[in-house]
C-alpha cells in the first residue's frame, strides 16, 4: 500500500468519524466513557477535555488499532507538553476553531477548521493549544497504535 493511500485512508477515516462526532454534538456534549488507553496517565490538563469516540482493532494490519478522541479546548485552553504511546502515529483534524501546534523542533503553526497535521511515533508535542482567547476549539485525534500500549498520552516530566 502506498503512502498516499495510507494518508488518504487515515484522512477519510478522520473525516468520517468527525461527521459522526459533529452530529453527536448537535444534541449536546458526548458523555465521557472509559476506553482503554484514553488519558490513563493523568487527569486532563486544566482547560482541556478529551472524549473517546472510537476504537477498533485493524483486522488487516496485525498488532494495530485505530483509536479516536476529540480534544476540546475552551478559549485559551491548552494541553501540557506530551508524547504518545511509542508506536502511535497520529492524524489530527481540526473540527472547530483554530489550534496552535508544534511537534518536535518544527515551527509552531495554527491549523483552522478543516485542516490537519500528523505526529510520527515518538514525537514530542511541544505546543497544543487553542489559538483563540475568545472562541472554543476542538480537534479529532486519530491514533494508529499497538493496542497493548497504555497510556496513549504521556505528559512530559518538568
Protein backbone atom coordinates (compact mmCIF):
# COMPACT_ATOMS: atom_id res chain seq x y z
CA UNK A 1 0.00 0.00 0.00
CA UNK A 2 1.46 3.39 -0.96
CA UNK A 3 1.99 6.28 1.47
CA UNK A 4 -0.62 8.29 -0.44
CA UNK A 5 -3.22 5.55 0.03
CA UNK A 6 -2.42 5.23 3.75
CA UNK A 7 -2.63 9.01 4.23
CA UNK A 8 -5.89 9.11 2.26
CA UNK A 9 -7.31 6.27 4.36
CA UNK A 10 -6.42 7.97 7.64
CA UNK A 11 -7.79 11.31 6.41
CA UNK A 12 -11.01 9.69 5.19
CA UNK A 13 -11.40 7.81 8.47
CA UNK A 14 -10.89 11.03 10.41
CA UNK A 15 -13.46 12.88 8.35
CA UNK A 16 -15.98 10.03 8.67
CA UNK A 17 -15.54 9.98 12.42
CA UNK A 18 -15.70 13.77 12.53
CA UNK A 19 -19.04 13.76 10.75
CA UNK A 20 -20.40 11.34 13.33
CA UNK A 21 -18.98 13.42 16.17
CA UNK A 22 -20.47 16.62 14.78
CA UNK A 23 -23.92 15.01 14.73
CA UNK A 24 -23.49 13.94 18.35
CA UNK A 25 -22.51 17.44 19.45
CA UNK A 26 -25.68 18.89 17.92
CA UNK A 27 -27.54 17.04 20.68
CA UNK A 28 -25.16 18.14 23.44
CA UNK A 29 -21.76 17.01 24.57
CA UNK A 30 -20.97 13.32 24.34
CA UNK A 31 -20.82 11.52 27.68
CA UNK A 32 -17.35 10.61 28.91
CA UNK A 33 -16.82 6.87 28.75
CA UNK A 34 -13.98 4.69 29.89
CA UNK A 35 -11.95 3.41 26.95
CA UNK A 36 -8.62 1.62 27.28
CA UNK A 37 -5.72 3.96 26.59
CA UNK A 38 -7.63 7.23 26.75
CA UNK A 39 -5.68 9.54 29.08
CA UNK A 40 -4.95 6.91 31.70
CA UNK A 41 -1.72 8.51 32.99
CA UNK A 42 -3.26 11.65 34.44
CA UNK A 43 -6.41 13.70 34.50
CA UNK A 44 -6.74 16.11 31.57
CA UNK A 45 -4.88 19.40 31.90
CA UNK A 46 -6.97 22.38 33.01
CA UNK A 47 -8.94 23.70 30.08
CA UNK A 48 -8.68 20.51 28.02
CA UNK A 49 -11.40 17.86 27.65
CA UNK A 50 -10.60 14.53 25.98
CA UNK A 51 -13.57 12.42 24.85
CA UNK A 52 -13.03 8.92 23.41
CA UNK A 53 -15.22 8.38 20.33
CA UNK A 54 -13.95 5.28 18.51
CA UNK A 55 -11.77 2.19 18.96
CA UNK A 56 -11.28 -0.76 16.63
CA UNK A 57 -8.53 -3.28 16.07
CA UNK A 58 -7.45 -3.06 12.42
CA UNK A 59 -8.22 -6.55 11.03
CA UNK A 60 -5.78 -6.48 8.10
CA UNK A 61 -2.88 -4.84 10.00
CA UNK A 62 -1.71 -7.16 12.76
CA UNK A 63 -0.99 -5.61 16.14
CA UNK A 64 -2.57 -2.24 15.39
CA UNK A 65 -5.76 -0.48 16.43
CA UNK A 66 -7.38 2.77 15.37
CA UNK A 67 -8.43 4.91 18.32
CA UNK A 68 -10.05 8.33 18.00
CA UNK A 69 -10.60 11.02 20.61
CA UNK A 70 -11.99 14.53 20.45
CA UNK A 71 -9.87 17.12 22.23
CA UNK A 72 -11.84 20.25 23.16
CA UNK A 73 -10.21 23.48 24.30
CA UNK A 74 -12.06 26.39 25.87
CA UNK A 75 -10.79 29.87 24.94
CA UNK A 76 -7.11 29.98 25.91
CA UNK A 77 -7.09 26.24 26.80
CA UNK A 78 -4.04 24.08 26.27
CA UNK A 79 -2.52 20.63 26.71
CA UNK A 80 0.71 20.06 28.64
CA UNK A 81 3.85 19.14 26.67
CA UNK A 82 3.49 15.43 25.94
CA UNK A 83 4.40 12.35 23.93
CA UNK A 84 2.19 9.48 22.87
CA UNK A 85 2.49 5.69 23.15
CA UNK A 86 5.74 4.66 21.41
CA UNK A 87 4.05 3.02 18.41
CA UNK A 88 1.42 5.76 17.91
CA UNK A 89 1.06 7.51 14.56
CA UNK A 90 -1.48 10.33 14.98
CA UNK A 91 -3.51 12.32 12.48
CA UNK A 92 -5.24 15.37 13.97
CA UNK A 93 -8.12 17.14 12.19
CA UNK A 94 -9.44 20.49 13.45
CA UNK A 95 -13.22 20.26 13.85
CA UNK A 96 -13.83 23.84 15.03
CA UNK A 97 -11.90 26.99 15.81
CA UNK A 98 -8.12 27.18 15.48
CA UNK A 99 -5.45 25.05 17.15
CA UNK A 100 -1.80 26.03 17.51
CA UNK A 101 0.54 23.04 17.33
CA UNK A 102 4.29 22.43 17.45
CA UNK A 103 5.72 18.94 17.05
CA UNK A 104 9.39 18.32 17.90
CA UNK A 105 11.62 21.13 16.58
CA UNK A 106 9.24 22.07 13.76
CA UNK A 107 7.69 25.52 13.68
CA UNK A 108 4.54 26.28 15.66
CA UNK A 109 1.64 26.56 13.23
CA UNK A 110 -2.04 27.46 13.52
CA UNK A 111 -4.47 24.97 11.98
CA UNK A 112 -8.03 26.10 11.29
CA UNK A 113 -11.29 24.19 10.85
CA UNK A 114 -10.85 21.55 8.15
CA UNK A 115 -7.05 21.46 8.34
CA UNK A 116 -4.96 18.68 9.81
CA UNK A 117 -1.49 17.57 10.80
CA UNK A 118 0.26 14.39 11.89
CA UNK A 119 2.68 13.21 14.57
CA UNK A 120 5.18 10.44 13.92
CA UNK A 121 5.81 7.75 16.57
CA UNK A 122 8.00 9.08 19.38
CA UNK A 123 7.41 12.76 18.55
CA UNK A 124 7.20 15.37 21.30
CA UNK A 125 4.10 17.56 21.09
CA UNK A 126 5.54 20.80 22.47
CA UNK A 127 2.55 23.06 21.83
CA UNK A 128 -1.10 22.04 21.56
CA UNK A 129 -3.48 24.83 22.40
CA UNK A 130 -6.45 26.89 21.38
CA UNK A 131 -5.17 29.74 19.21
CA UNK A 132 -8.02 31.98 20.38
CA UNK A 133 -8.56 33.66 23.74
CA UNK A 134 -12.26 34.20 22.94
CA UNK A 135 -13.57 31.19 20.94
CA UNK A 136 -13.50 27.44 21.76
CA UNK A 137 -11.67 24.93 19.53
CA UNK A 138 -11.78 21.18 19.02
CA UNK A 139 -9.90 18.56 17.08
CA UNK A 140 -10.24 14.89 16.30
CA UNK A 141 -7.08 12.89 17.03
CA UNK A 142 -6.91 9.51 15.27
CA UNK A 143 -4.27 7.10 16.58
CA UNK A 144 -2.90 4.06 14.77
CA UNK A 145 -1.25 2.26 17.66
CA UNK A 146 -0.32 -1.06 19.22
CA UNK A 147 -3.50 -1.79 21.24
CA UNK A 148 -1.40 -3.11 24.16
CA UNK A 149 0.30 0.24 24.75
CA UNK A 150 -1.17 2.32 27.55
CA UNK A 151 -1.47 5.16 28.24
CA UNK A 152 -1.93 6.84 24.87
CA UNK A 153 -0.73 10.24 26.12
CA UNK A 154 2.19 10.78 28.49
CA UNK A 155 2.80 14.28 29.91
CA UNK A 156 6.49 15.25 29.93
CA UNK A 157 8.15 15.47 33.33
CA UNK A 158 9.08 19.02 34.29
